[in-house]
Amino acid sequence: MTDDPNTLDARGLLCPLPVLKARKRLKSLDAGAELTVIADDPAAIIDIPHFCHESGHDLVSQGDSDGVQTYVIRKSA
């Protein structure tokens, strides 16, 4: 776990919690800020890009290493 407001550790959470928590965290960030989401839910690989597309946020990057996914989301204006 981290206290960094720009990092969300969503490991151990299942759909739809990683997206719901990312949405809540993004609300507290300024436009243009980046949020790093760490998840291990297999559905997140579909859910997070879809959430970004639907909400207008930019998915800057996504990666997967040993079943742990990392997403960088830039908050839209």
N, C-alpha and C. Protein backbone atom coordinates (compact mmCIF):
# COMPACT_ATOMS: atom_id res chain seq x y z
N MET A 1 0.83 -1.18 0.00
CA MET A 1 0.00 0.00 0.00
C MET A 1 0.88 1.25 0.00
N THR A 2 0.33 2.33 -0.56
CA THR A 2 1.07 3.58 -0.62
C THR A 2 0.16 4.74 -0.25
N ASP A 3 0.76 5.78 0.32
CA ASP A 3 0.00 6.98 0.66
C ASP A 3 0.06 8.01 -0.46
N ASP A 4 0.73 7.69 -1.55
CA ASP A 4 0.87 8.59 -2.69
C ASP A 4 -0.50 8.75 -3.36
N PRO A 5 -1.03 9.98 -3.45
CA PRO A 5 -2.35 10.17 -4.07
C PRO A 5 -2.34 9.88 -5.57
N ASN A 6 -1.15 9.78 -6.17
CA ASN A 6 -1.05 9.50 -7.61
C ASN A 6 -0.81 8.02 -7.89
N THR A 7 -0.90 7.19 -6.87
CA THR A 7 -0.76 5.74 -7.04
C THR A 7 -1.91 5.05 -6.33
N LEU A 8 -2.56 4.15 -7.06
CA LEU A 8 -3.65 3.36 -6.49
C LEU A 8 -3.27 1.89 -6.56
N ASP A 9 -3.09 1.27 -5.41
CA ASP A 9 -2.80 -0.16 -5.35
C ASP A 9 -4.11 -0.90 -5.23
N ALA A 10 -4.58 -1.47 -6.33
CA ALA A 10 -5.87 -2.16 -6.36
C ALA A 10 -5.67 -3.68 -6.40
N ARG A 11 -4.49 -4.15 -6.03
CA ARG A 11 -4.26 -5.60 -6.01
C ARG A 11 -5.18 -6.24 -4.98
N GLY A 12 -5.74 -7.37 -5.36
CA GLY A 12 -6.65 -8.10 -4.49
C GLY A 12 -8.10 -7.68 -4.64
N LEU A 13 -8.35 -6.62 -5.41
CA LEU A 13 -9.72 -6.17 -5.64
C LEU A 13 -10.24 -6.71 -6.96
N LEU A 14 -11.49 -7.12 -6.97
CA LEU A 14 -12.09 -7.66 -8.18
C LEU A 14 -13.07 -6.66 -8.79
N CYS A 15 -13.36 -6.86 -10.07
CA CYS A 15 -14.28 -6.04 -10.84
C CYS A 15 -15.57 -5.85 -10.05
N PRO A 16 -16.06 -4.65 -9.96
CA PRO A 16 -15.65 -3.41 -10.61
C PRO A 16 -14.80 -2.50 -9.72
N LEU A 17 -14.31 -3.00 -8.58
CA LEU A 17 -13.64 -2.13 -7.61
C LEU A 17 -12.41 -1.39 -8.14
N PRO A 18 -11.52 -2.00 -8.94
CA PRO A 18 -10.38 -1.20 -9.43
C PRO A 18 -10.81 0.04 -10.20
N VAL A 19 -11.82 -0.08 -11.05
CA VAL A 19 -12.30 1.07 -11.82
C VAL A 19 -13.01 2.07 -10.91
N LEU A 20 -13.83 1.61 -9.99
CA LEU A 20 -14.54 2.52 -9.09
C LEU A 20 -13.56 3.31 -8.23
N LYS A 21 -12.54 2.65 -7.73
CA LYS A 21 -11.55 3.34 -6.91
C LYS A 21 -10.70 4.30 -7.75
N ALA A 22 -10.40 3.91 -8.98
CA ALA A 22 -9.65 4.81 -9.88
C ALA A 22 -10.48 6.05 -10.17
N ARG A 23 -11.76 5.89 -10.44
CA ARG A 23 -12.64 7.03 -10.71
C ARG A 23 -12.65 7.98 -9.52
N LYS A 24 -12.80 7.43 -8.32
CA LYS A 24 -12.83 8.26 -7.11
C LYS A 24 -11.50 8.99 -6.92
N ARG A 25 -10.40 8.29 -7.11
CA ARG A 25 -9.08 8.92 -6.92
C ARG A 25 -8.85 10.02 -7.95
N LEU A 26 -9.25 9.79 -9.20
CA LEU A 26 -9.07 10.79 -10.25
C LEU A 26 -9.84 12.07 -9.95
N LYS A 27 -10.99 11.96 -9.31
CA LYS A 27 -11.78 13.15 -8.97
C LYS A 27 -11.00 14.12 -8.10
N SER A 28 -10.11 13.60 -7.26
CA SER A 28 -9.37 14.45 -6.34
C SER A 28 -8.10 15.03 -6.97
N LEU A 29 -7.77 14.62 -8.19
CA LEU A 29 -6.56 15.09 -8.86
C LEU A 29 -6.88 16.24 -9.80
N ASP A 30 -5.88 17.08 -10.06
CA ASP A 30 -6.02 18.18 -11.01
C ASP A 30 -5.99 17.64 -12.44
N ALA A 31 -6.62 18.38 -13.35
CA ALA A 31 -6.58 18.01 -14.77
C ALA A 31 -5.13 17.92 -15.22
N GLY A 32 -4.81 16.89 -15.97
CA GLY A 32 -3.45 16.68 -16.46
C GLY A 32 -2.59 15.83 -15.54
N ALA A 33 -3.04 15.62 -14.32
CA ALA A 33 -2.29 14.77 -13.39
C ALA A 33 -2.38 13.32 -13.84
N GLU A 34 -1.38 12.55 -13.47
CA GLU A 34 -1.36 11.13 -13.84
C GLU A 34 -1.56 10.26 -12.60
N LEU A 35 -2.37 9.23 -12.77
CA LEU A 35 -2.63 8.24 -11.73
C LEU A 35 -2.09 6.91 -12.20
N THR A 36 -1.27 6.28 -11.38
CA THR A 36 -0.79 4.93 -11.66
C THR A 36 -1.66 3.95 -10.89
N VAL A 37 -2.25 3.00 -11.61
CA VAL A 37 -3.09 1.98 -11.00
C VAL A 37 -2.38 0.64 -11.12
N ILE A 38 -2.25 -0.04 -9.98
CA ILE A 38 -1.65 -1.37 -9.95
C ILE A 38 -2.78 -2.35 -9.62
N ALA A 39 -2.97 -3.35 -10.47
CA ALA A 39 -4.09 -4.29 -10.29
C ALA A 39 -3.67 -5.70 -10.66
N ASP A 40 -4.41 -6.67 -10.12
CA ASP A 40 -4.18 -8.06 -10.50
C ASP A 40 -5.47 -8.76 -10.90
N ASP A 41 -6.54 -7.99 -11.04
CA ASP A 41 -7.82 -8.54 -11.50
C ASP A 41 -7.75 -8.77 -13.00
N PRO A 42 -7.97 -10.00 -13.48
CA PRO A 42 -7.91 -10.27 -14.91
C PRO A 42 -8.85 -9.39 -15.74
N ALA A 43 -9.97 -8.96 -15.16
CA ALA A 43 -10.93 -8.13 -15.90
C ALA A 43 -10.43 -6.70 -16.07
N ALA A 44 -9.46 -6.27 -15.27
CA ALA A 44 -8.97 -4.90 -15.35
C ALA A 44 -8.35 -4.60 -16.72
N ILE A 45 -7.82 -5.61 -17.37
CA ILE A 45 -7.19 -5.40 -18.69
C ILE A 45 -8.21 -4.91 -19.72
N ILE A 46 -9.48 -5.20 -19.48
CA ILE A 46 -10.56 -4.70 -20.34
C ILE A 46 -11.22 -3.48 -19.70
N ASP A 47 -11.46 -3.57 -18.40
CA ASP A 47 -12.23 -2.53 -17.70
C ASP A 47 -11.55 -1.17 -17.67
N ILE A 48 -10.27 -1.12 -17.37
CA ILE A 48 -9.60 0.17 -17.22
C ILE A 48 -9.47 0.90 -18.55
N PRO A 49 -9.02 0.25 -19.64
CA PRO A 49 -9.02 0.97 -20.92
C PRO A 49 -10.42 1.43 -21.33
N HIS A 50 -11.44 0.61 -21.08
CA HIS A 50 -12.81 0.99 -21.41
C HIS A 50 -13.24 2.20 -20.58
N PHE A 51 -12.93 2.19 -19.30
CA PHE A 51 -13.25 3.32 -18.43
C PHE A 51 -12.60 4.60 -18.95
N CYS A 52 -11.33 4.53 -19.33
CA CYS A 52 -10.63 5.71 -19.84
C CYS A 52 -11.30 6.22 -21.12
N HIS A 53 -11.62 5.32 -22.00
CA HIS A 53 -12.27 5.70 -23.26
C HIS A 53 -13.61 6.38 -23.00
N GLU A 54 -14.41 5.79 -22.13
CA GLU A 54 -15.75 6.30 -21.86
C GLU A 54 -15.73 7.62 -21.09
N SER A 55 -14.73 7.81 -20.23
CA SER A 55 -14.70 9.00 -19.37
C SER A 55 -13.86 10.13 -19.96
N GLY A 56 -13.13 9.84 -21.04
CA GLY A 56 -12.33 10.88 -21.68
C GLY A 56 -10.92 11.03 -21.13
N HIS A 57 -10.53 10.19 -20.20
CA HIS A 57 -9.16 10.23 -19.67
C HIS A 57 -8.22 9.53 -20.66
N ASP A 58 -6.94 9.91 -20.63
CA ASP A 58 -5.96 9.29 -21.51
C ASP A 58 -5.30 8.11 -20.80
N LEU A 59 -5.28 6.96 -21.46
CA LEU A 59 -4.52 5.83 -20.97
C LEU A 59 -3.12 5.98 -21.54
N VAL A 60 -2.20 6.48 -20.73
CA VAL A 60 -0.85 6.80 -21.16
C VAL A 60 -0.06 5.53 -21.45
N SER A 61 -0.20 4.55 -20.55
CA SER A 61 0.51 3.28 -20.75
C SER A 61 -0.17 2.19 -19.94
N GLN A 62 0.10 0.98 -20.35
CA GLN A 62 -0.34 -0.19 -19.60
C GLN A 62 0.67 -1.29 -19.80
N GLY A 63 0.87 -2.07 -18.76
CA GLY A 63 1.83 -3.16 -18.83
C GLY A 63 1.41 -4.27 -17.90
N ASP A 64 2.04 -5.42 -18.08
CA ASP A 64 1.73 -6.60 -17.28
C ASP A 64 3.04 -7.34 -17.00
N SER A 65 3.27 -7.61 -15.72
CA SER A 65 4.46 -8.36 -15.34
C SER A 65 4.07 -9.37 -14.27
N ASP A 66 4.19 -10.63 -14.59
CA ASP A 66 3.88 -11.71 -13.66
C ASP A 66 2.48 -11.59 -13.07
N GLY A 67 1.50 -11.23 -13.91
CA GLY A 67 0.12 -11.17 -13.47
C GLY A 67 -0.28 -9.89 -12.77
N VAL A 68 0.65 -8.96 -12.64
CA VAL A 68 0.34 -7.66 -12.03
C VAL A 68 0.35 -6.63 -13.14
N GLN A 69 -0.77 -5.94 -13.29
CA GLN A 69 -0.91 -4.94 -14.35
C GLN A 69 -0.65 -3.55 -13.77
N THR A 70 -0.06 -2.71 -14.61
CA THR A 70 0.17 -1.32 -14.24
C THR A 70 -0.40 -0.43 -15.35
N TYR A 71 -1.22 0.53 -14.94
CA TYR A 71 -1.85 1.46 -15.87
C TYR A 71 -1.50 2.88 -15.44
N VAL A 72 -1.19 3.73 -16.38
CA VAL A 72 -0.99 5.15 -16.11
C VAL A 72 -2.10 5.90 -16.84
N ILE A 73 -2.90 6.62 -16.06
CA ILE A 73 -4.06 7.35 -16.58
C ILE A 73 -3.81 8.85 -16.37
N ARG A 74 -3.97 9.63 -17.45
CA ARG A 74 -3.87 11.09 -17.34
C ARG A 74 -5.28 11.64 -17.28
N LYS A 75 -5.55 12.41 -16.23
CA LYS A 75 -6.89 12.96 -16.02
C LYS A 75 -7.18 14.02 -17.09
N SER A 76 -8.37 13.93 -17.66
CA SER A 76 -8.79 14.92 -18.66
C SER A 76 -9.19 16.22 -17.98
N ALA A 77 -9.31 17.25 -18.79
CA ALA A 77 -9.69 18.57 -18.26
C ALA A 77 -11.12 18.59 -17.77
